[in-house]
Amino acid sequence: MSGKSKYPEQFRRDAVELARSSDRPLRQVARELGVNHETLRNWVRTAEQAQAGPADTAAVVDQEELRALRKRVAELELEKDILRKAAAYFAKEMGR
């Protein structure tokens, strides 16, 4: 919500909070505050995007970690299968 604006930052933050918490239509809240409803809608949208940003980043990090862990599990399962086959082979050789 930064940039050049004739409205102070604190006013914009308060307006967004009021719009979110109010059960009145956005257009009515904007009219009561003396701002254009599209201006208020943009402020709310910008605030939502700013809030979603870190969460989206965390989701991407979680997905990458999950992908790496799944790859590691697949490697360990392959190693386990190789060791199981080797153990069975040597057990059979020892029994001869």
N, C-alpha and C. Protein backbone atom coordinates (compact mmCIF):
# COMPACT_ATOMS: atom_id res chain seq x y z
N MET A 1 0.82 -1.19 0.00
CA MET A 1 0.00 0.00 0.00
C MET A 1 0.86 1.25 0.00
N SER A 2 2.04 1.17 -0.49
CA SER A 2 2.89 2.35 -0.52
C SER A 2 2.80 3.01 -1.88
N GLY A 3 3.47 4.12 -2.02
CA GLY A 3 3.43 4.86 -3.27
C GLY A 3 2.83 6.22 -3.04
N LYS A 4 2.76 7.01 -4.12
CA LYS A 4 2.19 8.35 -3.99
C LYS A 4 0.68 8.23 -3.85
N SER A 5 0.17 8.89 -2.84
CA SER A 5 -1.26 8.90 -2.60
C SER A 5 -1.61 10.15 -1.81
N LYS A 6 -2.78 10.65 -2.05
CA LYS A 6 -3.20 11.81 -1.27
C LYS A 6 -3.70 11.39 0.11
N TYR A 7 -3.80 10.06 0.33
CA TYR A 7 -4.25 9.53 1.61
C TYR A 7 -3.05 8.99 2.38
N PRO A 8 -2.95 9.33 3.67
CA PRO A 8 -1.84 8.81 4.48
C PRO A 8 -1.90 7.29 4.61
N GLU A 9 -0.75 6.69 4.80
CA GLU A 9 -0.66 5.23 4.92
C GLU A 9 -1.55 4.70 6.04
N GLN A 10 -1.54 5.36 7.18
CA GLN A 10 -2.35 4.90 8.32
C GLN A 10 -3.84 4.93 7.98
N PHE A 11 -4.27 5.96 7.26
CA PHE A 11 -5.67 6.05 6.84
C PHE A 11 -6.03 4.87 5.95
N ARG A 12 -5.14 4.54 5.01
CA ARG A 12 -5.40 3.43 4.10
C ARG A 12 -5.46 2.10 4.86
N ARG A 13 -4.54 1.91 5.82
CA ARG A 13 -4.56 0.68 6.62
C ARG A 13 -5.86 0.57 7.41
N ASP A 14 -6.26 1.68 8.03
CA ASP A 14 -7.50 1.68 8.81
C ASP A 14 -8.72 1.43 7.92
N ALA A 15 -8.71 2.01 6.74
CA ALA A 15 -9.82 1.82 5.80
C ALA A 15 -9.92 0.36 5.38
N VAL A 16 -8.78 -0.26 5.12
CA VAL A 16 -8.77 -1.68 4.74
C VAL A 16 -9.30 -2.53 5.88
N GLU A 17 -8.85 -2.26 7.09
CA GLU A 17 -9.31 -3.02 8.25
C GLU A 17 -10.81 -2.85 8.44
N LEU A 18 -11.30 -1.63 8.28
CA LEU A 18 -12.73 -1.38 8.40
C LEU A 18 -13.51 -2.13 7.32
N ALA A 19 -13.02 -2.11 6.10
CA ALA A 19 -13.70 -2.80 5.00
C ALA A 19 -13.74 -4.31 5.25
N ARG A 20 -12.67 -4.84 5.79
CA ARG A 20 -12.62 -6.29 6.06
C ARG A 20 -13.53 -6.70 7.21
N SER A 21 -13.57 -5.88 8.23
CA SER A 21 -14.31 -6.24 9.44
C SER A 21 -15.79 -5.88 9.37
N SER A 22 -16.15 -5.02 8.45
CA SER A 22 -17.54 -4.55 8.36
C SER A 22 -18.40 -5.53 7.59
N ASP A 23 -19.65 -5.62 7.98
CA ASP A 23 -20.59 -6.45 7.22
C ASP A 23 -21.31 -5.62 6.15
N ARG A 24 -20.95 -4.33 6.08
CA ARG A 24 -21.53 -3.46 5.06
C ARG A 24 -20.80 -3.65 3.74
N PRO A 25 -21.47 -3.35 2.64
CA PRO A 25 -20.81 -3.45 1.33
C PRO A 25 -19.63 -2.50 1.24
N LEU A 26 -18.65 -2.89 0.47
CA LEU A 26 -17.44 -2.09 0.28
C LEU A 26 -17.78 -0.69 -0.23
N ARG A 27 -18.73 -0.63 -1.13
CA ARG A 27 -19.14 0.66 -1.70
C ARG A 27 -19.64 1.61 -0.61
N GLN A 28 -20.41 1.07 0.34
CA GLN A 28 -20.94 1.90 1.42
C GLN A 28 -19.82 2.37 2.36
N VAL A 29 -18.90 1.47 2.68
CA VAL A 29 -17.77 1.84 3.53
C VAL A 29 -16.96 2.94 2.86
N ALA A 30 -16.71 2.79 1.56
CA ALA A 30 -15.94 3.79 0.82
C ALA A 30 -16.66 5.14 0.85
N ARG A 31 -17.96 5.11 0.65
CA ARG A 31 -18.74 6.37 0.65
C ARG A 31 -18.63 7.04 2.01
N GLU A 32 -18.72 6.26 3.10
CA GLU A 32 -18.64 6.82 4.45
C GLU A 32 -17.25 7.42 4.73
N LEU A 33 -16.23 6.82 4.12
CA LEU A 33 -14.86 7.32 4.31
C LEU A 33 -14.52 8.46 3.36
N GLY A 34 -15.34 8.66 2.36
CA GLY A 34 -15.09 9.73 1.40
C GLY A 34 -14.06 9.38 0.35
N VAL A 35 -13.95 8.08 0.03
CA VAL A 35 -13.02 7.65 -1.01
C VAL A 35 -13.80 6.91 -2.09
N ASN A 36 -13.23 6.83 -3.27
CA ASN A 36 -13.84 6.10 -4.35
C ASN A 36 -13.84 4.61 -4.00
N HIS A 37 -14.92 3.91 -4.33
CA HIS A 37 -15.01 2.50 -3.95
C HIS A 37 -13.94 1.66 -4.66
N GLU A 38 -13.56 2.05 -5.87
CA GLU A 38 -12.50 1.31 -6.57
C GLU A 38 -11.14 1.53 -5.90
N THR A 39 -10.94 2.71 -5.38
CA THR A 39 -9.71 2.99 -4.65
C THR A 39 -9.62 2.09 -3.42
N LEU A 40 -10.71 2.02 -2.66
CA LEU A 40 -10.75 1.17 -1.48
C LEU A 40 -10.58 -0.30 -1.87
N ARG A 41 -11.21 -0.71 -2.96
CA ARG A 41 -11.09 -2.09 -3.43
C ARG A 41 -9.63 -2.41 -3.76
N ASN A 42 -8.94 -1.47 -4.39
CA ASN A 42 -7.52 -1.66 -4.71
C ASN A 42 -6.68 -1.77 -3.44
N TRP A 43 -6.98 -0.95 -2.44
CA TRP A 43 -6.24 -1.02 -1.19
C TRP A 43 -6.43 -2.40 -0.54
N VAL A 44 -7.66 -2.87 -0.54
CA VAL A 44 -7.96 -4.18 0.06
C VAL A 44 -7.24 -5.28 -0.72
N ARG A 45 -7.29 -5.22 -2.04
CA ARG A 45 -6.63 -6.23 -2.88
C ARG A 45 -5.12 -6.22 -2.64
N THR A 46 -4.53 -5.03 -2.57
CA THR A 46 -3.10 -4.91 -2.33
C THR A 46 -2.73 -5.49 -0.96
N ALA A 47 -3.54 -5.21 0.04
CA ALA A 47 -3.28 -5.74 1.38
C ALA A 47 -3.38 -7.27 1.39
N GLU A 48 -4.34 -7.82 0.67
CA GLU A 48 -4.50 -9.27 0.61
C GLU A 48 -3.30 -9.91 -0.10
N GLN A 49 -2.82 -9.28 -1.15
CA GLN A 49 -1.66 -9.81 -1.87
C GLN A 49 -0.42 -9.76 -1.00
N ALA A 50 -0.29 -8.68 -0.23
CA ALA A 50 0.87 -8.55 0.66
C ALA A 50 0.83 -9.62 1.74
N GLN A 51 -0.37 -9.94 2.22
CA GLN A 51 -0.53 -10.97 3.23
C GLN A 51 -0.27 -12.35 2.65
N ALA A 52 -0.69 -12.58 1.42
CA ALA A 52 -0.55 -13.89 0.79
C ALA A 52 0.88 -14.17 0.38
N GLY A 53 1.67 -13.15 0.14
CA GLY A 53 3.04 -13.34 -0.34
C GLY A 53 3.87 -14.28 0.49
N PRO A 54 4.07 -14.02 1.79
CA PRO A 54 4.89 -14.92 2.60
C PRO A 54 4.31 -16.33 2.69
N ALA A 55 3.01 -16.45 2.75
CA ALA A 55 2.39 -17.77 2.82
C ALA A 55 2.67 -18.55 1.55
N ASP A 56 2.59 -17.89 0.40
CA ASP A 56 2.87 -18.56 -0.86
C ASP A 56 4.33 -19.01 -0.91
N THR A 57 5.22 -18.17 -0.43
CA THR A 57 6.63 -18.52 -0.40
C THR A 57 6.85 -19.74 0.48
N ALA A 58 6.20 -19.77 1.62
CA ALA A 58 6.32 -20.91 2.52
C ALA A 58 5.79 -22.18 1.86
N ALA A 59 4.71 -22.05 1.11
CA ALA A 59 4.14 -23.21 0.42
C ALA A 59 5.11 -23.74 -0.62
N VAL A 60 5.78 -22.86 -1.34
CA VAL A 60 6.76 -23.28 -2.34
C VAL A 60 7.92 -24.00 -1.67
N VAL A 61 8.39 -23.45 -0.56
CA VAL A 61 9.49 -24.08 0.18
C VAL A 61 9.06 -25.45 0.68
N ASP A 62 7.83 -25.55 1.20
CA ASP A 62 7.32 -26.83 1.67
C ASP A 62 7.24 -27.84 0.53
N GLN A 63 6.79 -27.41 -0.64
CA GLN A 63 6.70 -28.31 -1.79
C GLN A 63 8.08 -28.80 -2.21
N GLU A 64 9.06 -27.90 -2.21
CA GLU A 64 10.42 -28.30 -2.57
C GLU A 64 10.99 -29.29 -1.56
N GLU A 65 10.74 -29.03 -0.29
CA GLU A 65 11.22 -29.94 0.75
C GLU A 65 10.54 -31.30 0.62
N LEU A 66 9.24 -31.30 0.36
CA LEU A 66 8.50 -32.54 0.18
C LEU A 66 9.04 -33.33 -1.01
N ARG A 67 9.33 -32.65 -2.11
CA ARG A 67 9.88 -33.30 -3.30
C ARG A 67 11.24 -33.93 -2.98
N ALA A 68 12.09 -33.20 -2.25
CA ALA A 68 13.41 -33.72 -1.89
C ALA A 68 13.29 -34.92 -0.95
N LEU A 69 12.36 -34.86 -0.01
CA LEU A 69 12.17 -35.97 0.92
C LEU A 69 11.64 -37.21 0.20
N ARG A 70 10.73 -37.01 -0.74
CA ARG A 70 10.22 -38.16 -1.51
C ARG A 70 11.33 -38.80 -2.34
N LYS A 71 12.20 -37.97 -2.90
CA LYS A 71 13.33 -38.49 -3.67
C LYS A 71 14.24 -39.30 -2.75
N ARG A 72 14.50 -38.79 -1.56
CA ARG A 72 15.37 -39.50 -0.60
C ARG A 72 14.74 -40.82 -0.17
N VAL A 73 13.44 -40.84 0.05
CA VAL A 73 12.75 -42.08 0.42
C VAL A 73 12.88 -43.11 -0.70
N ALA A 74 12.72 -42.67 -1.94
CA ALA A 74 12.87 -43.58 -3.08
C ALA A 74 14.28 -44.16 -3.13
N GLU A 75 15.29 -43.33 -2.88
CA GLU A 75 16.68 -43.81 -2.87
C GLU A 75 16.90 -44.83 -1.76
N LEU A 76 16.37 -44.56 -0.57
CA LEU A 76 16.53 -45.47 0.55
C LEU A 76 15.82 -46.80 0.31
N GLU A 77 14.64 -46.74 -0.31
CA GLU A 77 13.92 -47.98 -0.64
C GLU A 77 14.71 -48.81 -1.64
N LEU A 78 15.32 -48.16 -2.63
CA LEU A 78 16.15 -48.86 -3.60
C LEU A 78 17.35 -49.51 -2.91
N GLU A 79 18.02 -48.77 -2.03
CA GLU A 79 19.15 -49.33 -1.29
C GLU A 79 18.72 -50.52 -0.44
N LYS A 80 17.55 -50.40 0.19
CA LYS A 80 17.04 -51.50 1.02
C LYS A 80 16.79 -52.74 0.18
N ASP A 81 16.21 -52.56 -1.00
CA ASP A 81 15.95 -53.70 -1.89
C ASP A 81 17.26 -54.36 -2.33
N ILE A 82 18.26 -53.55 -2.65
CA ILE A 82 19.56 -54.10 -3.06
C ILE A 82 20.17 -54.90 -1.91
N LEU A 83 20.13 -54.35 -0.71
CA LEU A 83 20.69 -55.05 0.44
C LEU A 83 19.92 -56.33 0.75
N ARG A 84 18.61 -56.31 0.60
CA ARG A 84 17.79 -57.50 0.84
C ARG A 84 18.17 -58.59 -0.16
N LYS A 85 18.32 -58.22 -1.44
CA LYS A 85 18.71 -59.20 -2.46
C LYS A 85 20.12 -59.72 -2.21
N ALA A 86 21.02 -58.84 -1.81
CA ALA A 86 22.38 -59.28 -1.51
C ALA A 86 22.39 -60.23 -0.32
N ALA A 87 21.62 -59.93 0.70
CA ALA A 87 21.55 -60.81 1.88
C ALA A 87 20.99 -62.16 1.49
N ALA A 88 19.95 -62.18 0.66
CA ALA A 88 19.37 -63.45 0.22
C ALA A 88 20.38 -64.23 -0.61
N TYR A 89 21.13 -63.57 -1.47
CA TYR A 89 22.14 -64.22 -2.32
C TYR A 89 23.22 -64.86 -1.45
N PHE A 90 23.76 -64.08 -0.48
CA PHE A 90 24.82 -64.62 0.35
C PHE A 90 24.32 -65.70 1.28
N ALA A 91 23.08 -65.61 1.71
CA ALA A 91 22.51 -66.67 2.56
C ALA A 91 22.41 -67.96 1.76
N LYS A 92 22.03 -67.85 0.50
CA LYS A 92 21.93 -69.03 -0.36
C LYS A 92 23.31 -69.61 -0.62
N GLU A 93 24.31 -68.77 -0.86
CA GLU A 93 25.68 -69.21 -1.10
C GLU A 93 26.26 -69.92 0.14
N MET A 94 25.93 -69.43 1.30
CA MET A 94 26.45 -70.02 2.54
C MET A 94 25.80 -71.38 2.80
N GLY A 95 24.59 -71.57 2.31
CA GLY A 95 23.87 -72.82 2.52
C GLY A 95 24.33 -73.92 1.60
N ARG A 96 25.04 -73.64 0.56
CA ARG A 96 25.50 -74.66 -0.39
C ARG A 96 26.57 -75.49 0.16
